[in-house]
């Protein structure tokens, strides 16, 4: 059984930074793609960033140049470094493994 636990969310002022972490349990992490998604109130869940098992990355247009996804397979952890945060980045951020497993989410609020 796979479990994903996100952390690192919080309240930050516009222009600030946060780093989210997603730690996986189970043995299948290293061979699979991992994505970060977000869902704002009243909106559908959307892909923010994704990293393949080989390290290829892709990003939503709205976060390109500001967010960076990375993975440490030895620690079974994926990170999302978020810089130059904007109020529109406010959402619950979820980690997803292989389009199958979801974490519980971590709240990110960008506000002055």
Protein backbone atom coordinates (compact mmCIF):
# COMPACT_ATOMS: atom_id res chain seq x y z
CA UNK A 1 0.00 0.00 0.00
CA UNK A 2 1.24 3.45 -0.92
CA UNK A 3 0.78 6.50 1.26
CA UNK A 4 1.74 10.06 0.37
CA UNK A 5 2.19 12.76 2.99
CA UNK A 6 2.54 16.40 1.99
CA UNK A 7 3.98 19.15 4.17
CA UNK A 8 5.36 22.64 3.91
CA UNK A 9 2.23 24.64 3.24
CA UNK A 10 1.32 27.79 5.11
CA UNK A 11 0.60 31.48 4.90
CA UNK A 12 3.03 33.61 2.94
CA UNK A 13 3.02 37.16 1.62
CA UNK A 14 2.95 37.86 -2.11
CA UNK A 15 6.43 37.52 -3.53
CA UNK A 16 7.43 35.03 -0.89
CA UNK A 17 8.55 31.42 -1.17
CA UNK A 18 7.56 28.02 0.16
CA UNK A 19 8.88 24.52 -0.38
CA UNK A 20 6.43 21.67 -0.32
CA UNK A 21 7.49 18.10 0.36
CA UNK A 22 5.76 14.85 -0.48
CA UNK A 23 7.05 11.72 1.24
CA UNK A 24 5.96 8.32 -0.03
CA UNK A 25 5.77 5.02 1.74
CA UNK A 26 6.01 1.77 -0.18
CA UNK A 27 8.55 0.40 -2.62
CA UNK A 28 7.28 1.61 -5.98
CA UNK A 29 8.13 5.31 -5.74
CA UNK A 30 11.36 5.41 -7.70
CA UNK A 31 9.95 3.97 -10.91
CA UNK A 32 6.98 6.24 -11.32
CA UNK A 33 6.09 9.79 -12.23
CA UNK A 34 5.01 12.18 -9.50
CA UNK A 35 2.92 15.29 -9.89
CA UNK A 36 1.83 18.25 -7.81
CA UNK A 37 -1.73 19.40 -8.31
CA UNK A 38 -3.70 22.19 -6.72
CA UNK A 39 -7.33 23.00 -6.14
CA UNK A 40 -8.62 26.43 -5.27
CA UNK A 41 -12.10 26.98 -3.81
CA UNK A 42 -14.75 26.61 -6.48
CA UNK A 43 -12.26 25.44 -9.10
CA UNK A 44 -11.25 22.12 -10.55
CA UNK A 45 -8.06 20.40 -9.51
CA UNK A 46 -5.26 21.28 -11.92
CA UNK A 47 -1.78 20.00 -12.63
CA UNK A 48 0.97 22.32 -11.40
CA UNK A 49 4.12 20.33 -12.11
CA UNK A 50 5.14 16.78 -12.91
CA UNK A 51 8.40 14.88 -12.86
CA UNK A 52 9.02 11.58 -14.59
CA UNK A 53 11.07 8.73 -13.21
CA UNK A 54 13.87 9.92 -15.46
CA UNK A 55 13.71 13.47 -14.18
CA UNK A 56 11.85 15.10 -17.07
CA UNK A 57 9.66 17.92 -15.85
CA UNK A 58 6.69 19.86 -17.10
CA UNK A 59 4.83 22.80 -15.62
CA UNK A 60 1.58 24.65 -15.91
CA UNK A 61 2.05 27.87 -17.87
CA UNK A 62 0.97 29.88 -14.85
CA UNK A 63 3.91 28.69 -12.73
CA UNK A 64 6.72 28.39 -15.28
CA UNK A 65 9.80 30.24 -14.14
CA UNK A 66 8.54 30.46 -10.56
CA UNK A 67 8.08 26.85 -9.41
CA UNK A 68 10.51 23.96 -9.58
CA UNK A 69 9.81 20.29 -8.99
CA UNK A 70 12.51 17.85 -7.97
CA UNK A 71 12.78 14.37 -6.53
CA UNK A 72 15.07 12.47 -4.21
CA UNK A 73 14.37 8.82 -4.88
CA UNK A 74 16.58 7.64 -2.02
CA UNK A 75 14.35 9.57 0.38
CA UNK A 76 11.17 8.78 -1.57
CA UNK A 77 10.47 12.48 -1.56
CA UNK A 78 9.35 14.98 -4.17
CA UNK A 79 9.68 18.70 -3.61
CA UNK A 80 7.94 21.72 -5.07
CA UNK A 81 9.91 24.92 -4.64
CA UNK A 82 7.55 27.85 -5.08
CA UNK A 83 8.99 31.34 -5.55
CA UNK A 84 7.46 34.71 -6.34
CA UNK A 85 4.15 33.50 -5.00
CA UNK A 86 0.97 35.28 -6.02
CA UNK A 87 -2.46 35.41 -4.40
CA UNK A 88 -3.78 33.30 -7.27
CA UNK A 89 -1.47 30.49 -6.15
CA UNK A 90 -3.66 30.06 -3.07
CA UNK A 91 -5.01 26.51 -3.05
CA UNK A 92 -4.72 23.11 -1.48
CA UNK A 93 -1.73 21.39 -3.04
CA UNK A 94 -1.80 17.64 -3.56
CA UNK A 95 0.87 15.12 -4.40
CA UNK A 96 0.03 12.39 -6.91
CA UNK A 97 1.92 9.21 -7.69
CA UNK A 98 1.50 7.48 -11.03
CA UNK A 99 -1.90 9.06 -11.60
CA UNK A 100 -3.23 6.67 -9.00
CA UNK A 101 -2.35 7.67 -5.46
CA UNK A 102 -3.10 10.97 -3.73
CA UNK A 103 -1.94 12.62 -0.55
CA UNK A 104 -4.21 14.47 1.83
CA UNK A 105 -3.13 17.91 0.64
CA UNK A 106 -1.45 20.91 2.21
CA UNK A 107 -2.91 24.41 2.25
CA UNK A 108 -0.98 27.27 0.66
CA UNK A 109 -2.32 30.76 1.25
CA UNK A 110 -0.72 33.78 -0.36
CA UNK A 111 -1.98 36.98 1.20
CA UNK A 112 -0.77 40.23 2.68
